């Protein structure tokens, strides 16, 4: 099985209508359930095993939670009229230092669910017009609407879900 296409090498186009925002929010809302289903009944030893310096399954889940503050902050940036959204820490220091493998999978998934539902509540409170608000994404230099940022976050979720599935196959878990 080939390795996942690296996240930072991906390019994006956002040419769908702003009115698609309810669909995109549902993708975000559904990620915690998808994570829980993917790791259900996987032994802790498999959840915390690393391959060649890459994150374990559990660290991938923890990373999803670690990015929630970024997504929420970028929505705030866009609502506040920022020309450029806040940047990501490309070193992923938050995930590197979190020691997600020292926690139970239930703790890591429950924390991600709480954090994601906070983002979803933030998005649910917006007006339809808010989803058209824009700002420049600092890495891609694309002008994104809030709906595009949500789609970008959902793609990031899918990237890590695919990685979790890949690790499960490698571990026969």
C-alpha atoms as a PDB file:
ATOM      1  CA  UNK A   1       0.000   0.000   0.000  1.00  0.00           C
ATOM      2  CA  UNK A   2       1.504   3.376  -0.957  1.00  0.00           C
ATOM      3  CA  UNK A   3       2.100   5.986   1.729  1.00  0.00           C
ATOM      4  CA  UNK A   4      -0.403   8.805   1.991  1.00  0.00           C
ATOM      5  CA  UNK A   5       0.181  11.854  -0.175  1.00  0.00           C
ATOM      6  CA  UNK A   6       1.923  14.286   2.225  1.00  0.00           C
ATOM      7  CA  UNK A   7      -0.386  16.985   3.591  1.00  0.00           C
ATOM      8  CA  UNK A   8       1.958  19.883   2.836  1.00  0.00           C
ATOM      9  CA  UNK A   9       2.285  18.837  -0.813  1.00  0.00           C
ATOM     10  CA  UNK A  10      -1.449  19.028  -1.448  1.00  0.00           C
ATOM     11  CA  UNK A  11      -3.074  21.812  -3.388  1.00  0.00           C
ATOM     12  CA  UNK A  12      -6.635  22.997  -3.075  1.00  0.00           C
ATOM     13  CA  UNK A  13      -9.285  24.696  -5.142  1.00  0.00           C
ATOM     14  CA  UNK A  14     -12.457  26.014  -3.604  1.00  0.00           C
ATOM     15  CA  UNK A  15     -14.887  26.561  -6.433  1.00  0.00           C
ATOM     16  CA  UNK A  16     -18.088  25.378  -4.803  1.00  0.00           C
ATOM     17  CA  UNK A  17     -20.889  27.723  -3.734  1.00  0.00           C
ATOM     18  CA  UNK A  18     -20.868  29.233  -0.258  1.00  0.00           C
ATOM     19  CA  UNK A  19     -24.311  27.698   0.252  1.00  0.00           C
ATOM     20  CA  UNK A  20     -22.627  24.301   0.603  1.00  0.00           C
ATOM     21  CA  UNK A  21     -21.625  25.214   4.176  1.00  0.00           C
ATOM     22  CA  UNK A  22     -24.217  22.935   5.906  1.00  0.00           C
ATOM     23  CA  UNK A  23     -22.748  19.909   4.089  1.00  0.00           C
ATOM     24  CA  UNK A  24     -19.211  20.840   5.082  1.00  0.00           C
ATOM     25  CA  UNK A  25     -20.203  21.381   8.718  1.00  0.00           C
ATOM     26  CA  UNK A  26     -21.729  17.879   8.727  1.00  0.00           C
ATOM     27  CA  UNK A  27     -18.409  16.430   7.583  1.00  0.00           C
ATOM     28  CA  UNK A  28     -16.715  18.173  10.514  1.00  0.00           C
ATOM     29  CA  UNK A  29     -19.445  17.096  12.937  1.00  0.00           C
ATOM     30  CA  UNK A  30     -19.075  13.468  11.856  1.00  0.00           C
ATOM     31  CA  UNK A  31     -15.315  13.103  12.237  1.00  0.00           C
ATOM     32  CA  UNK A  32     -15.303  12.138  15.942  1.00  0.00           C
ATOM     33  CA  UNK A  33     -17.706   9.250  15.232  1.00  0.00           C
ATOM     34  CA  UNK A  34     -15.552   8.132  12.309  1.00  0.00           C
ATOM     35  CA  UNK A  35     -12.461   8.197  14.544  1.00  0.00           C
ATOM     36  CA  UNK A  36     -14.223   6.230  17.276  1.00  0.00           C
ATOM     37  CA  UNK A  37     -15.347   3.610  14.770  1.00  0.00           C
ATOM     38  CA  UNK A  38     -11.850   3.295  13.269  1.00  0.00           C
ATOM     39  CA  UNK A  39     -10.145   2.637  16.587  1.00  0.00           C
ATOM     40  CA  UNK A  40     -12.856   0.590  18.315  1.00  0.00           C
ATOM     41  CA  UNK A  41     -11.481  -2.762  19.482  1.00  0.00           C
ATOM     42  CA  UNK A  42      -7.909  -1.929  18.410  1.00  0.00           C
ATOM     43  CA  UNK A  43      -5.514  -3.026  21.176  1.00  0.00           C
ATOM     44  CA  UNK A  44      -3.660  -0.263  23.018  1.00  0.00           C
ATOM     45  CA  UNK A  45      -0.335  -1.684  21.874  1.00  0.00           C
ATOM     46  CA  UNK A  46      -1.409  -1.184  18.254  1.00  0.00           C
ATOM     47  CA  UNK A  47      -2.900   2.275  18.923  1.00  0.00           C
ATOM     48  CA  UNK A  48       0.370   3.537  20.386  1.00  0.00           C
ATOM     49  CA  UNK A  49       2.875   1.845  18.067  1.00  0.00           C
ATOM     50  CA  UNK A  50       5.026   4.116  15.909  1.00  0.00           C
ATOM     51  CA  UNK A  51       6.555   3.333  12.521  1.00  0.00           C
ATOM     52  CA  UNK A  52       9.819   4.951  11.489  1.00  0.00           C
ATOM     53  CA  UNK A  53       9.341   8.098  13.520  1.00  0.00           C
ATOM     54  CA  UNK A  54       5.797   8.772  12.326  1.00  0.00           C
ATOM     55  CA  UNK A  55       2.867   9.288  14.645  1.00  0.00           C
ATOM     56  CA  UNK A  56       0.979   6.357  16.084  1.00  0.00           C
ATOM     57  CA  UNK A  57      -2.752   5.925  15.508  1.00  0.00           C
ATOM     58  CA  UNK A  58      -3.449   7.554  18.846  1.00  0.00           C
ATOM     59  CA  UNK A  59      -1.126  10.465  18.108  1.00  0.00           C
ATOM     60  CA  UNK A  60      -2.978  11.055  14.831  1.00  0.00           C
ATOM     61  CA  UNK A  61      -6.231  11.243  16.808  1.00  0.00           C
ATOM     62  CA  UNK A  62      -4.635  13.552  19.356  1.00  0.00           C
ATOM     63  CA  UNK A  63      -3.326  15.771  16.563  1.00  0.00           C
ATOM     64  CA  UNK A  64      -6.861  16.229  15.239  1.00  0.00           C
ATOM     65  CA  UNK A  65      -7.797  17.621  18.629  1.00  0.00           C
ATOM     66  CA  UNK A  66      -4.645  19.709  18.760  1.00  0.00           C
ATOM     67  CA  UNK A  67      -5.662  21.529  15.561  1.00  0.00           C
ATOM     68  CA  UNK A  68      -9.118  22.570  16.777  1.00  0.00           C
ATOM     69  CA  UNK A  69      -7.798  25.755  18.365  1.00  0.00           C
ATOM     70  CA  UNK A  70      -6.230  26.704  15.015  1.00  0.00           C
ATOM     71  CA  UNK A  71      -9.473  26.175  13.062  1.00  0.00           C
ATOM     72  CA  UNK A  72     -11.499  28.105  15.607  1.00  0.00           C
ATOM     73  CA  UNK A  73      -8.931  30.905  15.730  1.00  0.00           C
ATOM     74  CA  UNK A  74      -8.882  31.188  11.956  1.00  0.00           C
ATOM     75  CA  UNK A  75     -12.673  31.524  11.919  1.00  0.00           C
ATOM     76  CA  UNK A  76     -12.294  34.326  14.480  1.00  0.00           C
ATOM     77  CA  UNK A  77      -9.590  35.922  12.304  1.00  0.00           C
ATOM     78  CA  UNK A  78     -11.882  35.911   9.291  1.00  0.00           C
ATOM     79  CA  UNK A  79     -14.859  37.233  11.219  1.00  0.00           C
ATOM     80  CA  UNK A  80     -12.631  39.986  12.586  1.00  0.00           C
ATOM     81  CA  UNK A  81     -11.509  41.048   9.118  1.00  0.00           C
ATOM     82  CA  UNK A  82      -7.889  39.879   9.348  1.00  0.00           C
ATOM     83  CA  UNK A  83      -6.117  40.165   6.003  1.00  0.00           C
ATOM     84  CA  UNK A  84      -4.178  36.943   6.692  1.00  0.00           C
ATOM     85  CA  UNK A  85      -5.205  34.065   8.965  1.00  0.00           C
ATOM     86  CA  UNK A  86      -2.996  33.041  11.845  1.00  0.00           C
ATOM     87  CA  UNK A  87      -0.261  30.610  10.794  1.00  0.00           C
ATOM     88  CA  UNK A  88       0.066  27.010  11.827  1.00  0.00           C
ATOM     89  CA  UNK A  89       3.046  25.791  13.805  1.00  0.00           C
ATOM     90  CA  UNK A  90       4.617  23.646  11.080  1.00  0.00           C
ATOM     91  CA  UNK A  91       6.671  21.781  13.683  1.00  0.00           C
ATOM     92  CA  UNK A  92       3.446  20.477  15.269  1.00  0.00           C
ATOM     93  CA  UNK A  93       5.017  21.143  18.676  1.00  0.00           C
ATOM     94  CA  UNK A  94       1.665  20.807  20.428  1.00  0.00           C
ATOM     95  CA  UNK A  95       1.274  17.232  19.184  1.00  0.00           C
ATOM     96  CA  UNK A  96       4.953  16.381  19.633  1.00  0.00           C
ATOM     97  CA  UNK A  97       4.842  17.459  23.298  1.00  0.00           C
ATOM     98  CA  UNK A  98       1.365  16.202  24.205  1.00  0.00           C
ATOM     99  CA  UNK A  99       2.316  12.560  24.861  1.00  0.00           C
ATOM    100  CA  UNK A 100      -1.039  11.342  23.546  1.00  0.00           C
ATOM    101  CA  UNK A 101       0.195   7.748  23.838  1.00  0.00           C
ATOM    102  CA  UNK A 102       0.360   8.099  27.642  1.00  0.00           C
ATOM    103  CA  UNK A 103      -3.428   8.635  27.765  1.00  0.00           C
ATOM    104  CA  UNK A 104      -6.160   6.099  27.207  1.00  0.00           C
ATOM    105  CA  UNK A 105      -7.750   6.021  23.772  1.00  0.00           C
ATOM    106  CA  UNK A 106     -11.037   6.938  25.467  1.00  0.00           C
ATOM    107  CA  UNK A 107      -9.455  10.116  26.881  1.00  0.00           C
ATOM    108  CA  UNK A 108      -7.934  11.111  23.541  1.00  0.00           C
ATOM    109  CA  UNK A 109     -11.123  10.515  21.558  1.00  0.00           C
ATOM    110  CA  UNK A 110     -13.361  12.196  24.169  1.00  0.00           C
ATOM    111  CA  UNK A 111     -11.104  15.256  24.185  1.00  0.00           C
ATOM    112  CA  UNK A 112     -11.188  15.434  20.386  1.00  0.00           C
ATOM    113  CA  UNK A 113     -14.988  15.100  20.405  1.00  0.00           C
ATOM    114  CA  UNK A 114     -15.319  17.956  22.949  1.00  0.00           C
ATOM    115  CA  UNK A 115     -12.961  20.174  20.999  1.00  0.00           C
ATOM    116  CA  UNK A 116     -14.616  19.448  17.654  1.00  0.00           C
ATOM    117  CA  UNK A 117     -18.094  20.053  19.008  1.00  0.00           C
ATOM    118  CA  UNK A 118     -16.844  23.449  20.213  1.00  0.00           C
ATOM    119  CA  UNK A 119     -15.848  24.297  16.635  1.00  0.00           C
ATOM    120  CA  UNK A 120     -19.171  22.999  15.304  1.00  0.00           C
ATOM    121  CA  UNK A 121     -21.097  25.145  17.824  1.00  0.00           C
ATOM    122  CA  UNK A 122     -19.041  28.147  16.716  1.00  0.00           C
ATOM    123  CA  UNK A 123     -19.922  27.428  13.067  1.00  0.00           C
ATOM    124  CA  UNK A 124     -23.586  26.700  13.807  1.00  0.00           C
ATOM    125  CA  UNK A 125     -23.868  30.175  15.363  1.00  0.00           C
ATOM    126  CA  UNK A 126     -22.767  31.928  12.146  1.00  0.00           C
ATOM    127  CA  UNK A 127     -25.106  33.442   9.602  1.00  0.00           C
ATOM    128  CA  UNK A 128     -25.149  32.173   6.019  1.00  0.00           C
ATOM    129  CA  UNK A 129     -23.450  35.423   4.958  1.00  0.00           C
ATOM    130  CA  UNK A 130     -20.586  34.836   7.415  1.00  0.00           C
ATOM    131  CA  UNK A 131     -19.460  31.769   5.462  1.00  0.00           C
ATOM    132  CA  UNK A 132     -18.494  34.082   2.572  1.00  0.00           C
ATOM    133  CA  UNK A 133     -16.085  36.146   4.731  1.00  0.00           C
ATOM    134  CA  UNK A 134     -12.507  35.810   3.493  1.00  0.00           C
ATOM    135  CA  UNK A 135      -8.867  35.969   4.489  1.00  0.00           C
ATOM    136  CA  UNK A 136      -5.582  34.775   3.013  1.00  0.00           C
ATOM    137  CA  UNK A 137      -4.341  31.357   4.110  1.00  0.00           C
ATOM    138  CA  UNK A 138      -0.696  31.947   5.136  1.00  0.00           C
ATOM    139  CA  UNK A 139       0.853  28.786   3.631  1.00  0.00           C
ATOM    140  CA  UNK A 140      -1.142  28.371   0.430  1.00  0.00           C
ATOM    141  CA  UNK A 141      -1.598  32.106  -0.146  1.00  0.00           C
ATOM    142  CA  UNK A 142      -5.144  31.314  -1.275  1.00  0.00           C
ATOM    143  CA  UNK A 143      -7.980  33.655  -0.406  1.00  0.00           C
ATOM    144  CA  UNK A 144     -10.362  31.406   1.517  1.00  0.00           C
ATOM    145  CA  UNK A 145     -13.907  31.894   2.636  1.00  0.00           C
ATOM    146  CA  UNK A 146     -14.967  30.472   5.991  1.00  0.00           C
ATOM    147  CA  UNK A 147     -16.727  27.674   4.088  1.00  0.00           C
ATOM    148  CA  UNK A 148     -13.405  26.937   2.328  1.00  0.00           C
ATOM    149  CA  UNK A 149     -11.562  26.835   5.647  1.00  0.00           C
ATOM    150  CA  UNK A 150     -14.143  24.327   6.877  1.00  0.00           C
ATOM    151  CA  UNK A 151     -13.615  22.187   3.759  1.00  0.00           C
ATOM    152  CA  UNK A 152      -9.839  22.469   4.290  1.00  0.00           C
ATOM    153  CA  UNK A 153     -10.261  21.275   7.903  1.00  0.00           C
ATOM    154  CA  UNK A 154     -12.451  18.382   6.702  1.00  0.00           C
ATOM    155  CA  UNK A 155      -9.755  17.417   4.166  1.00  0.00           C
ATOM    156  CA  UNK A 156      -7.214  17.504   7.001  1.00  0.00           C
ATOM    157  CA  UNK A 157      -9.496  15.175   8.979  1.00  0.00           C
ATOM    158  CA  UNK A 158      -9.742  12.798   6.024  1.00  0.00           C
ATOM    159  CA  UNK A 159      -5.962  12.811   5.599  1.00  0.00           C
ATOM    160  CA  UNK A 160      -5.500  11.648   9.195  1.00  0.00           C
ATOM    161  CA  UNK A 161      -8.369   9.151   9.007  1.00  0.00           C
ATOM    162  CA  UNK A 162      -6.732   7.622   5.940  1.00  0.00           C
ATOM    163  CA  UNK A 163      -3.424   7.490   7.815  1.00  0.00           C
ATOM    164  CA  UNK A 164      -5.118   5.745  10.746  1.00  0.00           C
ATOM    165  CA  UNK A 165      -6.611   3.201   8.331  1.00  0.00           C
ATOM    166  CA  UNK A 166      -3.191   2.710   6.740  1.00  0.00           C
ATOM    167  CA  UNK A 167      -1.594   2.097  10.150  1.00  0.00           C
ATOM    168  CA  UNK A 168      -4.334  -0.361  11.059  1.00  0.00           C
ATOM    169  CA  UNK A 169      -3.622  -2.329   7.885  1.00  0.00           C
ATOM    170  CA  UNK A 170       0.112  -2.298   8.619  1.00  0.00           C
ATOM    171  CA  UNK A 171      -0.594  -3.624  12.123  1.00  0.00           C
ATOM    172  CA  UNK A 172      -3.307  -6.054  11.039  1.00  0.00           C
ATOM    173  CA  UNK A 173      -5.428  -4.366  13.720  1.00  0.00           C
END
